[in-house]
Structures are given as structure tokens and as C-alpha cells.
Amino acid sequence: MVSSRPRIFELRQALASLKQDQSTVDAYFTNIKLIWDELSNYRLKCACGAPSRLCGFNNEEHVMAFLMGLNESLADIRGQILLMDPLPSMRNVFSLVLQEEKQNSITDSGSFVFAARDELEKVINDATMKTNEEEGD
């Protein structure tokens, strides 16, 4: 166990600094899960029943770490999840955040379409005004 402490330290450091940044929620979750899975290999196995009691604690740790690394564009869903009692499972949290990301991308796409339409209308209006001015001369 002592010889694995440097690796455990590296993994915990990577976990603490991991952020979603430009990644999708799915890619970010995959990265964080890889770290969790490797860390779980270093946990001591216990036959006294403690792991079942620690399951809720591990879920909360995972949920908190995942939520801390999310982009600010997902702050609303993060706040909603933190107010839930009991705290949902990591699987449910991931699903909720993924749905929010998809909803945000649909909304952003809609905004882009409206902006493009407005720009097109402006170009058409400018061209029409120019044509009318030329005909008036």
C-alpha cells in the first residue's frame, strides 16, 4: 500500500484539477470515471460490511467531484441537484446533466438560427433599399 501512495496522490491530484472545459458532458464523465475506477483498485478490501455503509459516502464524493468540474453553463442543473434530498445516484446525476446539456445545445442552435435569419433579413432589406435608391435616381 505504501508503494502505491505516489500513484494515489497523482490520481487524486488529477481528480481535483479535472474540469469539463471544452469537453462534452459525456467525455468529461468518461475521464473522471477512469480516475475513480483506478482509485478503487487501491482501496483496501474489507469483510466487515463497511463497504456497503461507505457506498453512500462514495456516491456523494463522486457526485460532488463531478459537479465541481462542470462548466458554468450547467450551473442551474448543478444547483438543482445539490438541493435534492436524498442526493441522487451518480448515474441519475449524469443523466440529468446530460439532458441539460442537450437542452442547452438545442436552445443555442435555435438562437443561432434566429440570428442567421435576422442577418439574412437585414441583407435583403439593405439590398432592397439600395435597389430602390438606384431606381429613384
Protein backbone atom coordinates (compact mmCIF):
# COMPACT_ATOMS: atom_id res chain seq x y z
CA MET A 1 0.00 0.00 0.00
CA VAL A 2 2.84 2.41 0.83
CA SER A 3 4.38 1.95 -2.61
CA SER A 4 1.10 2.94 -4.27
CA ARG A 5 0.72 6.22 -2.37
CA PRO A 6 2.50 8.29 -5.03
CA ARG A 7 0.10 6.95 -7.67
CA ILE A 8 -2.90 7.55 -5.42
CA PHE A 9 -1.66 11.09 -4.88
CA GLU A 10 -1.33 11.62 -8.66
CA LEU A 11 -4.84 10.32 -9.24
CA ARG A 12 -6.36 12.48 -6.51
CA GLN A 13 -4.49 15.50 -7.85
CA ALA A 14 -5.78 14.79 -11.36
CA LEU A 15 -9.29 14.40 -9.96
CA ALA A 16 -9.08 17.70 -8.09
CA SER A 17 -7.94 19.60 -11.17
CA LEU A 18 -10.21 17.93 -13.73
CA LYS A 19 -12.65 20.34 -15.39
CA GLN A 20 -15.12 19.91 -18.23
CA ASP A 21 -13.71 22.85 -20.22
CA GLN A 22 -14.47 22.30 -23.93
CA SER A 23 -15.40 18.62 -23.49
CA THR A 24 -18.92 17.31 -23.72
CA VAL A 25 -20.51 16.09 -20.50
CA ASP A 26 -20.11 12.53 -21.80
CA ALA A 27 -16.35 12.94 -22.45
CA TYR A 28 -15.84 14.70 -19.11
CA PHE A 29 -17.68 11.91 -17.28
CA THR A 30 -15.59 9.26 -19.05
CA ASN A 31 -12.39 10.99 -17.92
CA ILE A 32 -13.50 11.33 -14.31
CA LYS A 33 -14.77 7.74 -14.21
CA LEU A 34 -11.41 6.43 -15.41
CA ILE A 35 -9.77 8.11 -12.41
CA TRP A 36 -12.41 6.80 -9.99
CA ASP A 37 -12.02 3.27 -11.35
CA GLU A 38 -8.26 3.33 -10.95
CA LEU A 39 -8.54 4.77 -7.44
CA SER A 40 -10.95 1.97 -6.48
CA ASN A 41 -8.21 -0.55 -7.30
CA TYR A 42 -6.15 0.89 -4.44
CA ARG A 43 -8.88 0.70 -1.80
CA LEU A 44 -8.48 -1.89 0.90
CA LYS A 45 -10.99 -4.71 0.79
CA CYS A 46 -12.99 -5.12 3.98
CA ALA A 47 -15.07 -8.10 5.05
CA CYS A 48 -16.81 -6.35 7.97
CA GLY A 49 -19.64 -4.80 5.95
CA ALA A 50 -18.14 -1.32 5.93
CA PRO A 51 -18.09 -1.08 2.12
CA SER A 52 -21.88 -1.16 1.98
CA ARG A 53 -22.04 1.64 4.56
CA LEU A 54 -19.43 3.60 2.64
CA CYS A 55 -21.33 3.29 -0.63
CA GLY A 56 -23.46 6.35 0.15
CA PHE A 57 -20.36 8.32 1.09
CA ASN A 58 -18.59 7.31 -2.14
CA ASN A 59 -21.65 8.30 -4.17
CA GLU A 60 -21.68 11.74 -2.56
CA GLU A 61 -17.94 12.15 -3.17
CA HIS A 62 -18.37 11.19 -6.82
CA VAL A 63 -21.37 13.46 -7.32
CA MET A 64 -19.60 16.42 -5.70
CA ALA A 65 -16.40 15.91 -7.72
CA PHE A 66 -18.40 15.60 -10.95
CA LEU A 67 -20.49 18.70 -10.25
CA MET A 68 -17.45 20.79 -9.23
CA GLY A 69 -15.82 20.28 -12.62
CA LEU A 70 -18.84 21.20 -14.75
CA ASN A 71 -18.90 24.34 -16.84
CA GLU A 72 -20.84 27.36 -15.61
CA SER A 73 -23.36 26.85 -18.42
CA LEU A 74 -24.61 23.92 -16.31
CA ALA A 75 -24.80 25.87 -13.04
CA ASP A 76 -28.62 25.73 -12.91
CA ILE A 77 -28.83 21.94 -13.01
CA ARG A 78 -25.89 21.70 -10.60
CA GLY A 79 -27.81 23.85 -8.10
CA GLN A 80 -30.98 21.80 -8.53
CA ILE A 81 -29.10 18.54 -7.94
CA LEU A 82 -27.41 19.90 -4.81
CA LEU A 83 -30.84 20.74 -3.36
CA MET A 84 -32.21 17.21 -3.88
CA ASP A 85 -32.72 15.10 -0.77
CA PRO A 86 -31.57 12.43 -0.86
CA LEU A 87 -28.76 13.14 -3.28
CA PRO A 88 -29.36 11.14 -6.48
CA SER A 89 -27.05 8.35 -7.56
CA MET A 90 -24.14 9.23 -9.80
CA ARG A 91 -25.94 7.52 -12.69
CA ASN A 92 -29.01 9.74 -12.22
CA VAL A 93 -26.89 12.88 -11.82
CA PHE A 94 -25.06 12.08 -15.05
CA SER A 95 -28.38 11.56 -16.83
CA LEU A 96 -29.80 14.86 -15.56
CA VAL A 97 -26.70 16.82 -16.55
CA LEU A 98 -26.59 15.15 -19.97
CA GLN A 99 -30.24 16.10 -20.58
CA GLU A 100 -29.49 19.70 -19.58
CA GLU A 101 -26.51 19.83 -21.94
CA LYS A 102 -28.67 18.57 -24.80
CA GLN A 103 -31.39 21.09 -23.96
CA ASN A 104 -28.81 23.89 -23.89
CA SER A 105 -27.44 22.85 -27.28
CA ILE A 106 -30.95 22.85 -28.77
CA THR A 107 -31.58 26.31 -27.32
CA ASP A 108 -28.20 27.55 -28.60
CA SER A 109 -28.94 26.11 -32.04
CA GLY A 110 -32.29 27.87 -32.06
CA SER A 111 -30.63 31.15 -31.14
CA PHE A 112 -28.14 30.66 -33.96
CA VAL A 113 -30.95 30.03 -36.46
CA PHE A 114 -32.80 33.17 -35.34
CA ALA A 115 -29.61 35.25 -35.53
CA ALA A 116 -28.89 33.92 -39.02
CA ARG A 117 -32.46 34.68 -40.10
CA ASP A 118 -32.22 38.22 -38.71
CA GLU A 119 -28.92 38.76 -40.52
CA LEU A 120 -30.42 37.46 -43.78
CA GLU A 121 -33.40 39.82 -43.41
CA LYS A 122 -31.00 42.72 -42.87
CA VAL A 123 -29.05 41.85 -46.02
CA ILE A 124 -32.27 41.58 -48.03
CA ASN A 125 -33.56 44.90 -46.65
CA ASP A 126 -30.25 46.62 -47.41
CA ALA A 127 -30.30 45.24 -50.96
CA THR A 128 -33.92 46.32 -51.43
CA MET A 129 -33.18 49.83 -50.17
CA LYS A 130 -30.16 50.08 -52.47
CA THR A 131 -32.24 48.93 -55.44
CA ASN A 132 -34.99 51.43 -54.59
CA GLU A 133 -32.43 54.24 -54.32
CA GLU A 134 -30.93 53.34 -57.69
CA GLU A 135 -34.38 53.27 -59.32
CA GLY A 136 -35.20 56.64 -57.76
CA ASP A 137 -32.11 58.28 -59.29
